[in-house]
PDB file of all heavy atoms in Angstrom:
ATOM      1  N   LYS A   1    -121.968-188.113 -85.042  1.00  0.00           N
ATOM      2  CA  LYS A   1    -120.817-187.651 -85.820  1.00  0.00           C
ATOM      3  C   LYS A   1    -120.843-186.131 -85.980  1.00  0.00           C
ATOM      4  O   LYS A   1    -119.812-185.480 -85.882  1.00  0.00           O
ATOM      5  CB  LYS A   1    -120.832-188.348 -87.189  1.00  0.00           C
ATOM      6  CG  LYS A   1    -119.728-187.958 -88.122  1.00  0.00           C
ATOM      7  CD  LYS A   1    -119.864-188.732 -89.438  1.00  0.00           C
ATOM      8  CE  LYS A   1    -119.061-188.117 -90.543  1.00  0.00           C
ATOM      9  NZ  LYS A   1    -119.304-188.775 -91.821  1.00  0.00           N
ATOM     10  N   ASN A   2    -122.038-185.543 -86.161  1.00  0.00           N
ATOM     11  CA  ASN A   2    -122.135-184.092 -86.354  1.00  0.00           C
ATOM     12  C   ASN A   2    -122.361-183.334 -85.037  1.00  0.00           C
ATOM     13  O   ASN A   2    -122.528-182.129 -85.039  1.00  0.00           O
ATOM     14  CB  ASN A   2    -123.229-183.742 -87.367  1.00  0.00           C
ATOM     15  CG  ASN A   2    -124.638-183.994 -86.839  1.00  0.00           C
ATOM     16  OD1 ASN A   2    -124.850-184.358 -85.680  1.00  0.00           O
ATOM     17  ND2 ASN A   2    -125.615-183.814 -87.706  1.00  0.00           N
ATOM     18  N   GLY A   3    -122.384-184.064 -83.915  1.00  0.00           N
ATOM     19  CA  GLY A   3    -122.541-183.427 -82.611  1.00  0.00           C
ATOM     20  C   GLY A   3    -123.960-183.013 -82.269  1.00  0.00           C
ATOM     21  O   GLY A   3    -124.210-182.449 -81.214  1.00  0.00           O
ATOM     22  N   GLY A   4    -124.926-183.325 -83.140  1.00  0.00           N
ATOM     23  CA  GLY A   4    -126.295-182.845 -82.972  1.00  0.00           C
ATOM     24  C   GLY A   4    -127.192-183.670 -82.074  1.00  0.00           C
ATOM     25  O   GLY A   4    -128.338-183.313 -81.863  1.00  0.00           O
ATOM     26  N   GLY A   5    -126.698-184.780 -81.541  1.00  0.00           N
ATOM     27  CA  GLY A   5    -127.536-185.622 -80.695  1.00  0.00           C
ATOM     28  C   GLY A   5    -126.727-186.736 -80.064  1.00  0.00           C
ATOM     29  O   GLY A   5    -125.499-186.737 -80.119  1.00  0.00           O
ATOM     30  N   GLU A   6    -127.448-187.690 -79.469  1.00  0.00           N
ATOM     31  CA  GLU A   6    -126.800-188.811 -78.788  1.00  0.00           C
ATOM     32  C   GLU A   6    -127.302-190.142 -79.331  1.00  0.00           C
ATOM     33  O   GLU A   6    -128.424-190.227 -79.823  1.00  0.00           O
ATOM     34  CB  GLU A   6    -127.091-188.764 -77.288  1.00  0.00           C
ATOM     35  CG  GLU A   6    -126.515-187.563 -76.602  1.00  0.00           C
ATOM     36  CD  GLU A   6    -126.850-187.539 -75.127  1.00  0.00           C
ATOM     37  OE1 GLU A   6    -127.828-188.205 -74.704  1.00  0.00           O
ATOM     38  OE2 GLU A   6    -126.125-186.852 -74.395  1.00  0.00           O
ATOM     39  N   THR A   7    -126.465-191.158 -79.205  1.00  0.00           N
ATOM     40  CA  THR A   7    -126.826-192.489 -79.650  1.00  0.00           C
ATOM     41  C   THR A   7    -126.256-193.527 -78.692  1.00  0.00           C
ATOM     42  O   THR A   7    -125.303-193.246 -77.962  1.00  0.00           O
ATOM     43  CB  THR A   7    -126.331-192.753 -81.090  1.00  0.00           C
ATOM     44  OG1 THR A   7    -126.940-193.930 -81.595  1.00  0.00           O
ATOM     45  CG2 THR A   7    -124.830-192.867 -81.170  1.00  0.00           C
ATOM     46  N   ARG A   8    -126.867-194.689 -78.706  1.00  0.00           N
ATOM     47  CA  ARG A   8    -126.365-195.844 -77.952  1.00  0.00           C
ATOM     48  C   ARG A   8    -126.047-196.919 -78.989  1.00  0.00           C
ATOM     49  O   ARG A   8    -126.950-197.442 -79.627  1.00  0.00           O
ATOM     50  CB  ARG A   8    -127.413-196.339 -76.961  1.00  0.00           C
ATOM     51  CG  ARG A   8    -127.677-195.363 -75.834  1.00  0.00           C
ATOM     52  CD  ARG A   8    -128.774-195.887 -74.909  1.00  0.00           C
ATOM     53  NE  ARG A   8    -129.058-194.935 -73.869  1.00  0.00           N
ATOM     54  CZ  ARG A   8    -128.505-194.944 -72.658  1.00  0.00           C
ATOM     55  NH1 ARG A   8    -127.635-195.882 -72.356  1.00  0.00           N
ATOM     56  NH2 ARG A   8    -128.819-194.041 -71.763  1.00  0.00           N
ATOM     57  N   GLU A   9    -124.772-197.218 -79.149  1.00  0.00           N
ATOM     58  CA  GLU A   9    -124.345-198.188 -80.153  1.00  0.00           C
ATOM     59  C   GLU A   9    -124.577-199.610 -79.661  1.00  0.00           C
ATOM     60  O   GLU A   9    -124.116-199.992 -78.588  1.00  0.00           O
ATOM     61  CB  GLU A   9    -122.877-197.973 -80.487  1.00  0.00           C
ATOM     62  CG  GLU A   9    -122.409-198.817 -81.659  1.00  0.00           C
ATOM     63  CD  GLU A   9    -121.017-198.446 -82.090  1.00  0.00           C
ATOM     64  OE1 GLU A   9    -120.070-198.908 -81.441  1.00  0.00           O
ATOM     65  OE2 GLU A   9    -120.896-197.678 -83.062  1.00  0.00           O
ATOM     66  N   ILE A  10    -125.302-200.386 -80.457  1.00  0.00           N
ATOM     67  CA  ILE A  10    -125.563-201.796 -80.163  1.00  0.00           C
ATOM     68  C   ILE A  10    -124.406-202.657 -80.639  1.00  0.00           C
ATOM     69  O   ILE A  10    -123.909-203.516 -79.920  1.00  0.00           O
ATOM     70  CB  ILE A  10    -126.885-202.252 -80.821  1.00  0.00           C
ATOM     71  CG1 ILE A  10    -128.062-201.471 -80.231  1.00  0.00           C
ATOM     72  CG2 ILE A  10    -127.073-203.756 -80.668  1.00  0.00           C
ATOM     73  CD1 ILE A  10    -129.358-201.631 -81.009  1.00  0.00           C
ATOM     74  N   VAL A  11    -123.984-202.423 -81.873  1.00  0.00           N
ATOM     75  CA  VAL A  11    -122.905-203.217 -82.462  1.00  0.00           C
ATOM     76  C   VAL A  11    -122.210-202.392 -83.536  1.00  0.00           C
ATOM     77  O   VAL A  11    -122.842-201.581 -84.216  1.00  0.00           O
ATOM     78  CB  VAL A  11    -123.447-204.554 -83.053  1.00  0.00           C
ATOM     79  CG1 VAL A  11    -124.448-204.319 -84.156  1.00  0.00           C
ATOM     80  CG2 VAL A  11    -122.325-205.472 -83.515  1.00  0.00           C
ATOM     81  N   ASN A  12    -120.902-202.608 -83.678  1.00  0.00           N
ATOM     82  CA  ASN A  12    -120.107-201.969 -84.719  1.00  0.00           C
ATOM     83  C   ASN A  12    -119.132-203.019 -85.236  1.00  0.00           C
ATOM     84  O   ASN A  12    -118.165-203.356 -84.559  1.00  0.00           O
ATOM     85  CB  ASN A  12    -119.350-200.761 -84.154  1.00  0.00           C
ATOM     86  CG  ASN A  12    -118.552-200.034 -85.213  1.00  0.00           C
ATOM     87  OD1 ASN A  12    -118.237-200.562 -86.273  1.00  0.00           O
ATOM     88  ND2 ASN A  12    -118.205-198.795 -84.923  1.00  0.00           N
ATOM     89  N   ILE A  13    -119.423-203.556 -86.414  1.00  0.00           N
ATOM     90  CA  ILE A  13    -118.551-204.550 -87.037  1.00  0.00           C
ATOM     91  C   ILE A  13    -117.516-203.775 -87.849  1.00  0.00           C
ATOM     92  O   ILE A  13    -117.850-203.124 -88.833  1.00  0.00           O
ATOM     93  CB  ILE A  13    -119.345-205.533 -87.927  1.00  0.00           C
ATOM     94  CG1 ILE A  13    -120.454-206.216 -87.120  1.00  0.00           C
ATOM     95  CG2 ILE A  13    -118.401-206.541 -88.576  1.00  0.00           C
ATOM     96  CD1 ILE A  13    -119.995-206.998 -85.908  1.00  0.00           C
ATOM     97  N   VAL A  14    -116.281-203.809 -87.392  1.00  0.00           N
ATOM     98  CA  VAL A  14    -115.224-202.989 -87.977  1.00  0.00           C
ATOM     99  C   VAL A  14    -114.809-203.495 -89.351  1.00  0.00           C
ATOM    100  O   VAL A  14    -115.042-204.641 -89.709  1.00  0.00           O
ATOM    101  CB  VAL A  14    -113.995-202.901 -87.038  1.00  0.00           C
ATOM    102  CG1 VAL A  14    -114.363-202.201 -85.753  1.00  0.00           C
ATOM    103  CG2 VAL A  14    -113.422-204.271 -86.767  1.00  0.00           C
ATOM    104  N   SER A  15    -114.199-202.584 -90.087  1.00  0.00           N
ATOM    105  CA  SER A  15    -113.708-202.861 -91.423  1.00  0.00           C
ATOM    106  C   SER A  15    -112.296-202.296 -91.521  1.00  0.00           C
ATOM    107  O   SER A  15    -112.025-201.241 -90.945  1.00  0.00           O
ATOM    108  CB  SER A  15    -114.620-202.183 -92.451  1.00  0.00           C
ATOM    109  OG  SER A  15    -114.077-202.272 -93.739  1.00  0.00           O
ATOM    110  N   PRO A  16    -111.391-202.965 -92.241  1.00  0.00           N
ATOM    111  CA  PRO A  16    -110.024-202.445 -92.326  1.00  0.00           C
ATOM    112  C   PRO A  16    -109.912-201.127 -93.095  1.00  0.00           C
ATOM    113  O   PRO A  16    -108.962-200.388 -92.905  1.00  0.00           O
ATOM    114  CB  PRO A  16    -109.256-203.562 -93.036  1.00  0.00           C
ATOM    115  CG  PRO A  16    -110.283-204.356 -93.750  1.00  0.00           C
ATOM    116  CD  PRO A  16    -111.546-204.228 -92.948  1.00  0.00           C
ATOM    117  N   ASP A  17    -110.903-200.815 -93.930  1.00  0.00           N
ATOM    118  CA  ASP A  17    -110.803-199.622 -94.767  1.00  0.00           C
ATOM    119  C   ASP A  17    -111.915-198.602 -94.537  1.00  0.00           C
ATOM    120  O   ASP A  17    -112.081-197.683 -95.321  1.00  0.00           O
ATOM    121  CB  ASP A  17    -110.786-200.038 -96.239  1.00  0.00           C
ATOM    122  CG  ASP A  17    -112.041-200.798 -96.643  1.00  0.00           C
ATOM    123  OD1 ASP A  17    -112.805-201.214 -95.750  1.00  0.00           O
ATOM    124  OD2 ASP A  17    -112.253-200.981 -97.851  1.00  0.00           O
ATOM    125  N   ALA A  18    -112.671-198.757 -93.452  1.00  0.00           N
ATOM    126  CA  ALA A  18    -113.758-197.819 -93.156  1.00  0.00           C
ATOM    127  C   ALA A  18    -114.042-197.859 -91.650  1.00  0.00           C
ATOM    128  O   ALA A  18    -113.545-198.732 -90.935  1.00  0.00           O
ATOM    129  CB  ALA A  18    -115.016-198.200 -93.944  1.00  0.00           C
ATOM    130  N   ALA A  19    -114.844-196.923 -91.189  1.00  0.00           N
ATOM    131  CA  ALA A  19    -115.180-196.863 -89.765  1.00  0.00           C
ATOM    132  C   ALA A  19    -115.955-198.102 -89.310  1.00  0.00           C
ATOM    133  O   ALA A  19    -115.884-198.487 -88.148  1.00  0.00           O
ATOM    134  CB  ALA A  19    -115.981-195.604 -89.476  1.00  0.00           C
ATOM    135  N   PHE A  20    -116.678-198.722 -90.254  1.00  0.00           N
ATOM    136  CA  PHE A  20    -117.446-199.926 -89.945  1.00  0.00           C
ATOM    137  C   PHE A  20    -117.830-200.621 -91.233  1.00  0.00           C
ATOM    138  O   PHE A  20    -117.912-200.004 -92.286  1.00  0.00           O
ATOM    139  CB  PHE A  20    -118.716-199.592 -89.141  1.00  0.00           C
ATOM    140  CG  PHE A  20    -119.595-198.571 -89.814  1.00  0.00           C
ATOM    141  CD1 PHE A  20    -120.514-198.947 -90.775  1.00  0.00           C
ATOM    142  CD2 PHE A  20    -119.493-197.233 -89.499  1.00  0.00           C
ATOM    143  CE1 PHE A  20    -121.313-198.008 -91.418  1.00  0.00           C
ATOM    144  CE2 PHE A  20    -120.288-196.285 -90.136  1.00  0.00           C
ATOM    145  CZ  PHE A  20    -121.196-196.682 -91.092  1.00  0.00           C
ATOM    146  N   LEU A  21    -118.080-201.934 -91.132  1.00  0.00           N
ATOM    147  CA  LEU A  21    -118.702-202.694 -92.215  1.00  0.00           C
ATOM    148  C   LEU A  21    -120.213-202.531 -92.087  1.00  0.00           C
ATOM    149  O   LEU A  21    -120.900-202.233 -93.041  1.00  0.00           O
ATOM    150  CB  LEU A  21    -118.300-204.165 -92.139  1.00  0.00           C
ATOM    151  CG  LEU A  21    -118.981-205.114 -93.114  1.00  0.00           C
ATOM    152  CD1 LEU A  21    -118.710-204.698 -94.558  1.00  0.00           C
ATOM    153  CD2 LEU A  21    -118.534-206.540 -92.874  1.00  0.00           C
ATOM    154  N   TRP A  22    -120.687-202.720 -90.841  1.00  0.00           N
ATOM    155  CA  TRP A  22    -122.068-202.404 -90.513  1.00  0.00           C
ATOM    156  C   TRP A  22    -122.149-202.088 -89.032  1.00  0.00           C
ATOM    157  O   TRP A  22    -121.325-202.541 -88.241  1.00  0.00           O
ATOM    158  CB  TRP A  22    -123.041-203.495 -90.938  1.00  0.00           C
ATOM    159  CG  TRP A  22    -122.926-204.836 -90.273  1.00  0.00           C
ATOM    160  CD1 TRP A  22    -122.092-205.855 -90.638  1.00  0.00           C
ATOM    161  CD2 TRP A  22    -123.691-205.334 -89.164  1.00  0.00           C
ATOM    162  NE1 TRP A  22    -122.291-206.951 -89.812  1.00  0.00           N
ATOM    163  CE2 TRP A  22    -123.269-206.662 -88.899  1.00  0.00           C
ATOM    164  CE3 TRP A  22    -124.697-204.803 -88.365  1.00  0.00           C
ATOM    165  CZ2 TRP A  22    -123.794-207.441 -87.882  1.00  0.00           C
ATOM    166  CZ3 TRP A  22    -125.236-205.580 -87.349  1.00  0.00           C
ATOM    167  CH2 TRP A  22    -124.793-206.878 -87.112  1.00  0.00           C
ATOM    168  N   ARG A  23    -123.137-201.252 -88.690  1.00  0.00           N
ATOM    169  CA  ARG A  23    -123.325-200.882 -87.294  1.00  0.00           C
ATOM    170  C   ARG A  23    -124.798-200.601 -87.042  1.00  0.00           C
ATOM    171  O   ARG A  23    -125.537-200.226 -87.965  1.00  0.00           O
ATOM    172  CB  ARG A  23    -122.461-199.702 -86.886  1.00  0.00           C
ATOM    173  CG  ARG A  23    -122.914-198.367 -87.408  1.00  0.00           C
ATOM    174  CD  ARG A  23    -122.021-197.214 -86.964  1.00  0.00           C
ATOM    175  NE  ARG A  23    -122.168-196.875 -85.569  1.00  0.00           N
ATOM    176  CZ  ARG A  23    -122.939-195.891 -85.102  1.00  0.00           C
ATOM    177  NH1 ARG A  23    -123.643-195.153 -85.943  1.00  0.00           N
ATOM    178  NH2 ARG A  23    -123.018-195.641 -83.817  1.00  0.00           N
ATOM    179  N   ALA A  24    -125.209-200.795 -85.791  1.00  0.00           N
ATOM    180  CA  ALA A  24    -126.590-200.530 -85.394  1.00  0.00           C
ATOM    181  C   ALA A  24    -126.580-199.758 -84.080  1.00  0.00           C
ATOM    182  O   ALA A  24    -125.721-199.995 -83.221  1.00  0.00           O
ATOM    183  CB  ALA A  24    -127.366-201.837 -85.232  1.00  0.00           C
ATOM    184  N   SER A  25    -127.544-198.843 -83.939  1.00  0.00           N
ATOM    185  CA  SER A  25    -127.621-198.028 -82.742  1.00  0.00           C
ATOM    186  C   SER A  25    -129.052-197.540 -82.535  1.00  0.00           C
ATOM    187  O   SER A  25    -129.889-197.630 -83.428  1.00  0.00           O
ATOM    188  CB  SER A  25    -126.670-196.832 -82.840  1.00  0.00           C
ATOM    189  OG  SER A  25    -127.049-196.005 -83.929  1.00  0.00           O
ATOM    190  N   VAL A  26    -129.292-197.014 -81.339  1.00  0.00           N
ATOM    191  CA  VAL A  26    -130.562-196.362 -81.020  1.00  0.00           C
ATOM    192  C   VAL A  26    -130.241-194.928 -80.643  1.00  0.00           C
ATOM    193  O   VAL A  26    -129.485-194.679 -79.691  1.00  0.00           O
ATOM    194  CB  VAL A  26    -131.304-197.093 -79.879  1.00  0.00           C
ATOM    195  CG1 VAL A  26    -132.541-196.307 -79.462  1.00  0.00           C
ATOM    196  CG2 VAL A  26    -131.696-198.502 -80.314  1.00  0.00           C
ATOM    197  N   ALA A  27    -130.797-193.978 -81.387  1.00  0.00           N
ATOM    198  CA  ALA A  27    -130.540-192.560 -81.163  1.00  0.00           C
ATOM    199  C   ALA A  27    -131.696-191.902 -80.426  1.00  0.00           C
ATOM    200  O   ALA A  27    -132.853-192.295 -80.586  1.00  0.00           O
ATOM    201  CB  ALA A  27    -130.332-191.850 -82.505  1.00  0.00           C
ATOM    202  N   THR A  28    -131.356-190.900 -79.636  1.00  0.00           N
ATOM    203  CA  THR A  28    -132.355-190.082 -78.947  1.00  0.00           C
ATOM    204  C   THR A  28    -132.678-188.882 -79.822  1.00  0.00           C
ATOM    205  O   THR A  28    -131.780-188.218 -80.335  1.00  0.00           O
ATOM    206  CB  THR A  28    -131.821-189.613 -77.583  1.00  0.00           C
ATOM    207  OG1 THR A  28    -131.505-190.765 -76.815  1.00  0.00           O
ATOM    208  CG2 THR A  28    -132.852-188.783 -76.848  1.00  0.00           C
ATOM    209  N   LEU A  29    -133.960-188.623 -80.009  1.00  0.00           N
ATOM    210  CA  LEU A  29    -134.419-187.484 -80.806  1.00  0.00           C
ATOM    211  C   LEU A  29    -134.969-186.436 -79.847  1.00  0.00           C
ATOM    212  O   LEU A  29    -136.073-186.570 -79.337  1.00  0.00           O
ATOM    213  CB  LEU A  29    -135.508-187.935 -81.784  1.00  0.00           C
ATOM    214  CG  LEU A  29    -135.109-189.046 -82.748  1.00  0.00           C
ATOM    215  CD1 LEU A  29    -136.322-189.585 -83.475  1.00  0.00           C
ATOM    216  CD2 LEU A  29    -134.073-188.539 -83.728  1.00  0.00           C
TER     217      LEU A  29
END
């Protein structure tokens, strides 16, 4: 979101009033 790195999204359970209800990912450091 802040442009500072990369991630691989595993799952994003959407929500009608937010970007997600819950989400999981693996980020590269």
